[in-house]
């Protein structure tokens, strides 16, 4: 290809790739834990309530409901694989998710610069400091299983450390909320890497700093995955945009077809999934629902909807496209056609 002789402004060339609303801040943060028990806690099992990832072709548990708000069933004792436990307050530093990898420089005799970087080790860590004293945090402190968890304030409560170290793996959901945007980092399998110092002092509460290392899970086939949600996330794609008005063609008695180019989203390249509704206006009357089309067909670029049982007269049509985010746009009206 040749170099273009004329250019365009930044917004035209690159603006579609930048959106400050896509920045997430952990205004509210929290973590949920449960024990990892192999196939019983397979986060790709659809019985747990999952979303489908088209890229990997797998289903993954999501902590969000269909409307983008939080699920209210994760703490149910009969949740598949076991309930998720909330350890309570965490300190105001929130949680920290960080990669940890080692590299080795490969050098040549012809240059003092590295000619290649080999990754020799790679891990992912989650650090969070638990602030409350309860049976969940104490079981996490002692690396005990989250079973038979005792009530807060139980009379005669004792949390005894085991004489010998135990090996318990967990599943962790790290959550953040930023207004109407939400995000979860889900770890299908984790091991304890470090339990930090607990200090009793005037300036510091009796806290439990913890660091966890992500491990491969043979069922999820990933060390972690990220799930953004909420109205703020769903709205980032913008409203549907029609490139042109639909084209209507009269057919047999009481019939017409409506053809329109599949819309796109303002801030998102195609393809996108939309649902469509259709409206009609006869003569100088008001716009009203055209009902469900009798037939529909589609190509990669356009949709054809066929209608029957229409009232005779000069009729216009328009299409309402609704994106998965719930945002919708109404197309311009078609040219009028005469229905016989």
Protein backbone atom coordinates (compact mmCIF):
# COMPACT_ATOMS: atom_id res chain seq x y z
CA UNK A 1 0.00 0.00 0.00
CA UNK A 2 1.09 3.57 -0.55
CA UNK A 3 1.46 6.34 2.00
CA UNK A 4 -1.76 8.44 2.16
CA UNK A 5 -1.20 11.97 0.93
CA UNK A 6 -3.75 13.46 3.35
CA UNK A 7 -4.33 12.70 7.00
CA UNK A 8 -7.15 13.13 9.48
CA UNK A 9 -7.46 14.48 13.01
CA UNK A 10 -6.66 12.34 16.05
CA UNK A 11 -10.30 11.64 16.98
CA UNK A 12 -11.07 10.38 13.49
CA UNK A 13 -7.99 8.18 13.30
CA UNK A 14 -7.65 6.88 16.85
CA UNK A 15 -10.51 8.16 18.97
CA UNK A 16 -12.42 4.88 18.85
CA UNK A 17 -9.61 3.20 20.81
CA UNK A 18 -9.56 5.62 23.75
CA UNK A 19 -12.27 6.01 26.36
CA UNK A 20 -11.57 7.41 29.84
CA UNK A 21 -14.82 5.85 31.07
CA UNK A 22 -13.14 2.46 30.66
CA UNK A 23 -10.86 3.22 33.63
CA UNK A 24 -11.88 1.31 36.75
CA UNK A 25 -11.12 2.48 40.28
CA UNK A 26 -11.52 0.33 43.39
CA UNK A 27 -13.78 2.70 45.33
CA UNK A 28 -15.33 -0.30 47.12
CA UNK A 29 -13.38 -3.56 47.36
CA UNK A 30 -13.99 -6.98 48.84
CA UNK A 31 -12.88 -10.61 48.60
CA UNK A 32 -14.74 -13.91 48.85
CA UNK A 33 -13.19 -17.29 49.70
CA UNK A 34 -14.12 -20.93 49.53
CA UNK A 35 -12.17 -24.19 49.60
CA UNK A 36 -10.90 -25.68 46.37
CA UNK A 37 -12.00 -29.29 45.95
CA UNK A 38 -11.11 -30.27 42.41
CA UNK A 39 -13.99 -31.18 40.13
CA UNK A 40 -16.57 -30.38 42.83
CA UNK A 41 -15.56 -26.73 42.52
CA UNK A 42 -15.19 -26.61 38.74
CA UNK A 43 -15.94 -22.96 37.90
CA UNK A 44 -16.73 -23.93 34.31
CA UNK A 45 -19.67 -26.12 35.36
CA UNK A 46 -22.81 -24.40 34.08
CA UNK A 47 -24.76 -25.56 37.14
CA UNK A 48 -23.05 -22.72 39.03
CA UNK A 49 -24.41 -20.01 36.75
CA UNK A 50 -21.88 -19.09 34.10
CA UNK A 51 -21.22 -16.78 31.19
CA UNK A 52 -19.82 -18.03 27.89
CA UNK A 53 -16.46 -16.81 26.64
CA UNK A 54 -16.52 -16.90 22.85
CA UNK A 55 -12.74 -16.64 22.59
CA UNK A 56 -11.92 -19.73 24.64
CA UNK A 57 -15.21 -21.49 23.99
CA UNK A 58 -15.58 -22.17 27.72
CA UNK A 59 -18.14 -21.19 30.34
CA UNK A 60 -17.01 -19.43 33.52
CA UNK A 61 -18.72 -18.71 36.82
CA UNK A 62 -19.61 -15.04 37.20
CA UNK A 63 -20.36 -13.26 40.49
CA UNK A 64 -22.81 -11.00 38.67
CA UNK A 65 -26.46 -11.53 37.81
CA UNK A 66 -27.96 -11.13 34.35
CA UNK A 67 -28.68 -7.44 34.95
CA UNK A 68 -25.08 -6.66 35.90
CA UNK A 69 -25.75 -6.44 39.65
CA UNK A 70 -24.37 -8.84 42.27
CA UNK A 71 -25.68 -12.36 42.63
CA UNK A 72 -27.43 -13.07 45.94
CA UNK A 73 -26.92 -16.85 45.89
CA UNK A 74 -23.14 -17.17 46.32
CA UNK A 75 -23.46 -17.38 50.12
CA UNK A 76 -26.16 -20.04 50.06
CA UNK A 77 -25.02 -23.19 51.94
CA UNK A 78 -26.28 -25.33 49.06
CA UNK A 79 -24.45 -23.40 46.34
CA UNK A 80 -22.85 -25.94 43.96
CA UNK A 81 -19.36 -26.75 45.20
CA UNK A 82 -19.98 -25.00 48.51
CA UNK A 83 -20.86 -21.49 49.57
CA UNK A 84 -18.56 -18.51 49.22
CA UNK A 85 -17.46 -16.91 52.49
CA UNK A 86 -17.04 -13.19 53.14
CA UNK A 87 -14.24 -12.59 55.68
CA UNK A 88 -15.60 -9.14 56.48
CA UNK A 89 -13.73 -5.86 56.41
CA UNK A 90 -10.44 -5.53 54.58
CA UNK A 91 -8.14 -2.56 55.07
CA UNK A 92 -8.45 0.56 52.96
CA UNK A 93 -5.59 -0.44 50.67
CA UNK A 94 -8.04 -2.88 49.09
CA UNK A 95 -6.59 -5.92 47.37
CA UNK A 96 -3.53 -6.04 45.18
CA UNK A 97 -3.21 -8.30 42.16
CA UNK A 98 0.27 -8.50 40.70
CA UNK A 99 2.26 -10.66 38.29
CA UNK A 100 5.50 -12.18 39.52
CA UNK A 101 7.86 -13.50 36.88
CA UNK A 102 11.57 -14.05 36.35
CA UNK A 103 13.40 -13.52 33.09
CA UNK A 104 16.83 -14.43 31.79
CA UNK A 105 18.70 -12.34 29.26
CA UNK A 106 20.15 -14.15 26.24
CA UNK A 107 23.19 -12.32 24.85
CA UNK A 108 25.34 -12.66 21.77
CA UNK A 109 29.03 -12.12 21.08
CA UNK A 110 28.23 -9.29 18.66
CA UNK A 111 26.39 -6.95 21.06
CA UNK A 112 26.27 -6.02 24.71
CA UNK A 113 22.48 -5.76 24.45
CA UNK A 114 20.21 -8.70 25.14
CA UNK A 115 18.97 -10.33 21.96
CA UNK A 116 16.18 -12.21 23.69
CA UNK A 117 14.38 -12.38 27.04
CA UNK A 118 13.38 -15.81 28.25
CA UNK A 119 10.71 -16.06 30.92
CA UNK A 120 11.93 -18.67 33.36
CA UNK A 121 9.14 -18.44 35.94
CA UNK A 122 5.71 -16.84 36.06
CA UNK A 123 3.20 -16.57 38.88
CA UNK A 124 0.31 -14.32 39.86
CA UNK A 125 -0.26 -13.04 43.37
CA UNK A 126 -3.19 -11.60 45.28
CA UNK A 127 -2.54 -9.69 48.51
CA UNK A 128 -5.24 -8.56 50.92
CA UNK A 129 -5.28 -7.64 54.60
CA UNK A 130 -8.25 -8.96 56.60
CA UNK A 131 -9.31 -6.69 59.46
CA UNK A 132 -12.02 -8.56 61.36
CA UNK A 133 -11.59 -11.28 63.97
CA UNK A 134 -14.08 -14.02 63.10
CA UNK A 135 -14.02 -17.74 62.42
CA UNK A 136 -13.47 -17.19 58.70
CA UNK A 137 -10.35 -15.06 59.12
CA UNK A 138 -8.99 -17.35 61.83
CA UNK A 139 -9.44 -20.42 59.65
CA UNK A 140 -7.62 -18.57 56.91
CA UNK A 141 -4.87 -17.65 59.40
CA UNK A 142 -4.36 -21.29 60.38
CA UNK A 143 -4.96 -22.62 56.85
CA UNK A 144 -7.94 -24.67 58.00
CA UNK A 145 -10.86 -25.65 55.82
CA UNK A 146 -13.91 -23.39 55.73
CA UNK A 147 -16.30 -25.97 57.18
CA UNK A 148 -18.41 -25.81 60.33
CA UNK A 149 -17.74 -22.08 60.49
CA UNK A 150 -18.80 -20.79 63.91
CA UNK A 151 -20.93 -17.73 64.52
CA UNK A 152 -19.46 -14.36 65.30
CA UNK A 153 -19.43 -13.81 69.08
CA UNK A 154 -19.81 -17.51 69.92
CA UNK A 155 -19.47 -18.22 73.65
CA UNK A 156 -16.34 -20.18 74.55
CA UNK A 157 -14.75 -19.56 71.16
CA UNK A 158 -11.14 -20.69 70.74
CA UNK A 159 -9.10 -20.63 67.52
CA UNK A 160 -6.22 -23.05 67.99
CA UNK A 161 -3.38 -23.33 65.48
CA UNK A 162 -2.66 -26.89 64.27
CA UNK A 163 0.49 -28.54 65.60
CA UNK A 164 1.54 -29.56 62.09
CA UNK A 165 1.06 -27.43 58.97
CA UNK A 166 -1.95 -28.22 56.82
CA UNK A 167 -2.32 -27.77 53.10
CA UNK A 168 -5.59 -26.21 52.01
CA UNK A 169 -6.19 -24.57 48.65
CA UNK A 170 -8.82 -21.91 48.05
CA UNK A 171 -10.87 -20.27 45.38
CA UNK A 172 -10.99 -16.48 45.57
CA UNK A 173 -13.16 -13.79 44.01
CA UNK A 174 -11.69 -10.28 44.31
CA UNK A 175 -14.34 -7.60 43.74
CA UNK A 176 -14.27 -3.88 43.08
CA UNK A 177 -17.03 -1.36 42.52
CA UNK A 178 -16.66 2.03 40.84
CA UNK A 179 -20.08 3.69 40.70
CA UNK A 180 -22.05 1.80 38.08
CA UNK A 181 -18.98 -0.17 36.96
CA UNK A 182 -17.99 -3.43 38.65
CA UNK A 183 -15.13 -5.85 38.17
CA UNK A 184 -14.15 -9.24 39.52
CA UNK A 185 -10.87 -11.13 39.31
CA UNK A 186 -11.65 -14.80 39.82
CA UNK A 187 -8.96 -17.30 40.85
CA UNK A 188 -10.13 -20.91 40.32
CA UNK A 189 -7.30 -22.33 42.47
CA UNK A 190 -4.94 -20.59 44.90
CA UNK A 191 -2.42 -21.54 47.54
CA UNK A 192 -1.28 -19.53 50.53
CA UNK A 193 2.13 -17.93 49.91
CA UNK A 194 2.49 -15.79 53.00
CA UNK A 195 0.72 -14.72 56.17
CA UNK A 196 2.07 -11.39 57.33
CA UNK A 197 2.70 -9.89 60.73
CA UNK A 198 -0.23 -9.22 63.05
CA UNK A 199 0.40 -6.27 65.33
CA UNK A 200 -1.51 -5.03 68.36
CA UNK A 201 -0.78 -1.32 68.71
CA UNK A 202 -2.54 1.99 69.23
CA UNK A 203 -2.12 2.92 65.58
CA UNK A 204 -2.70 -0.47 64.00
CA UNK A 205 -5.65 -2.84 64.33
CA UNK A 206 -5.27 -6.59 64.88
CA UNK A 207 -5.06 -7.42 61.18
CA UNK A 208 -4.17 -10.46 59.06
CA UNK A 209 -2.10 -9.66 55.95
CA UNK A 210 -2.30 -12.49 53.43
CA UNK A 211 -0.67 -13.23 50.09
CA UNK A 212 -1.99 -15.89 47.75
CA UNK A 213 -0.48 -17.49 44.66
CA UNK A 214 -2.55 -18.52 41.66
CA UNK A 215 -2.26 -22.15 40.59
CA UNK A 216 -3.33 -23.88 37.37
CA UNK A 217 -6.76 -25.46 37.54
CA UNK A 218 -7.26 -28.39 35.14
CA UNK A 219 -10.99 -27.65 34.90
CA UNK A 220 -10.95 -23.88 34.33
CA UNK A 221 -7.67 -24.18 32.38
CA UNK A 222 -6.62 -20.70 33.54
CA UNK A 223 -4.92 -19.27 36.64
CA UNK A 224 -7.38 -16.36 36.76
CA UNK A 225 -9.97 -14.51 34.71
CA UNK A 226 -11.44 -11.01 34.83
CA UNK A 227 -15.14 -10.18 34.61
CA UNK A 228 -16.17 -6.51 34.16
CA UNK A 229 -19.87 -5.74 34.56
CA UNK A 230 -22.48 -3.13 35.44
CA UNK A 231 -24.41 -0.50 33.53
CA UNK A 232 -21.26 1.61 33.23
CA UNK A 233 -19.37 -1.21 31.54
CA UNK A 234 -22.23 -2.23 29.29
CA UNK A 235 -22.77 1.35 28.20
CA UNK A 236 -19.18 1.82 27.01
CA UNK A 237 -20.08 0.44 23.60
CA UNK A 238 -22.58 3.26 23.16
CA UNK A 239 -25.93 3.18 21.44
CA UNK A 240 -26.56 1.39 18.11
CA UNK A 241 -25.86 3.48 15.01
CA UNK A 242 -27.76 3.00 11.75
CA UNK A 243 -25.86 3.92 8.60
CA UNK A 244 -29.02 4.52 6.56
CA UNK A 245 -32.79 4.39 6.73
CA UNK A 246 -34.43 1.01 6.04
CA UNK A 247 -35.79 0.31 2.56
CA UNK A 248 -39.41 -0.86 2.37
CA UNK A 249 -40.94 -2.66 -0.60
CA UNK A 250 -44.64 -3.44 -1.05
CA UNK A 251 -45.51 -7.03 -1.87
CA UNK A 252 -48.74 -8.94 -2.34
CA UNK A 253 -51.96 -7.78 -0.72
CA UNK A 254 -51.24 -6.63 2.84
CA UNK A 255 -47.57 -7.54 2.59
CA UNK A 256 -44.26 -5.66 2.60
CA UNK A 257 -40.60 -6.30 3.22
CA UNK A 258 -38.19 -4.10 5.15
CA UNK A 259 -34.46 -4.29 4.50
CA UNK A 260 -31.86 -2.51 6.67
CA UNK A 261 -28.12 -2.57 7.20
CA UNK A 262 -27.13 -4.12 10.53
CA UNK A 263 -26.16 -1.26 12.88
CA UNK A 264 -22.93 -0.91 14.80
CA UNK A 265 -22.16 0.48 18.26
CA UNK A 266 -20.71 3.96 18.63
CA UNK A 267 -17.51 2.83 20.34
CA UNK A 268 -17.22 -0.76 19.26
CA UNK A 269 -16.38 -2.34 15.91
CA UNK A 270 -18.75 -5.00 14.51
CA UNK A 271 -19.98 -7.64 14.84
CA UNK A 272 -22.48 -6.95 17.60
CA UNK A 273 -25.66 -8.64 18.75
CA UNK A 274 -28.93 -6.68 18.66
CA UNK A 275 -32.61 -7.36 19.07
CA UNK A 276 -34.99 -5.58 16.73
CA UNK A 277 -38.48 -4.18 16.96
CA UNK A 278 -40.43 -2.67 14.08
CA UNK A 279 -42.82 0.28 13.84
CA UNK A 280 -45.09 1.50 11.06
CA UNK A 281 -47.02 4.67 10.27
CA UNK A 282 -49.97 4.65 7.87
CA UNK A 283 -50.59 7.98 6.18
CA UNK A 284 -50.57 10.87 8.67
CA UNK A 285 -51.24 8.56 11.62
CA UNK A 286 -49.02 7.95 14.63
CA UNK A 287 -46.18 5.48 14.82
CA UNK A 288 -47.27 2.10 16.16
CA UNK A 289 -45.85 -1.38 16.48
CA UNK A 290 -45.68 -3.31 13.23
CA UNK A 291 -45.73 -6.54 15.22
CA UNK A 292 -43.38 -9.44 14.78
CA UNK A 293 -42.31 -10.08 11.18
CA UNK A 294 -43.73 -13.16 9.50
CA UNK A 295 -40.30 -13.99 8.11
CA UNK A 296 -36.75 -12.83 8.73
CA UNK A 297 -33.47 -13.53 7.00
CA UNK A 298 -30.03 -12.06 7.42
CA UNK A 299 -26.63 -11.87 5.81
CA UNK A 300 -23.45 -10.65 7.44
CA UNK A 301 -24.40 -7.06 6.64
CA UNK A 302 -28.18 -6.73 6.44
CA UNK A 303 -31.53 -8.01 7.70
CA UNK A 304 -34.72 -8.56 5.72
CA UNK A 305 -38.04 -8.67 7.58
CA UNK A 306 -41.27 -9.67 5.85
CA UNK A 307 -44.68 -8.50 7.11
CA UNK A 308 -48.18 -9.69 6.26
CA UNK A 309 -51.67 -8.62 7.26
CA UNK A 310 -50.86 -4.92 6.89
CA UNK A 311 -53.50 -2.22 6.54
CA UNK A 312 -53.83 -0.77 3.06
CA UNK A 313 -52.42 2.71 2.55
CA UNK A 314 -49.24 4.72 2.24
CA UNK A 315 -46.97 3.23 4.90
CA UNK A 316 -43.53 4.02 6.36
CA UNK A 317 -41.41 1.72 8.50
CA UNK A 318 -38.62 2.19 11.04
CA UNK A 319 -36.49 -0.19 13.09
CA UNK A 320 -35.58 -0.06 16.78
CA UNK A 321 -32.26 -1.79 17.56
CA UNK A 322 -31.43 -2.66 21.17
CA UNK A 323 -27.89 -3.62 22.20
CA UNK A 324 -27.03 -6.14 24.90
CA UNK A 325 -26.34 -3.19 27.22
CA UNK A 326 -30.01 -2.19 26.94
CA UNK A 327 -29.31 0.97 24.96
CA UNK A 328 -31.48 1.36 21.89
CA UNK A 329 -31.73 3.56 18.83
CA UNK A 330 -34.56 4.12 16.36
CA UNK A 331 -33.65 4.32 12.69
CA UNK A 332 -34.82 7.02 10.32
CA UNK A 333 -38.12 6.30 8.59
CA UNK A 334 -38.18 4.49 5.28
CA UNK A 335 -39.70 6.04 2.21
CA UNK A 336 -43.44 5.46 2.04
CA UNK A 337 -44.73 2.48 0.08
CA UNK A 338 -48.31 1.78 -0.92
CA UNK A 339 -49.80 -1.30 0.72
CA UNK A 340 -52.71 -2.75 -1.25
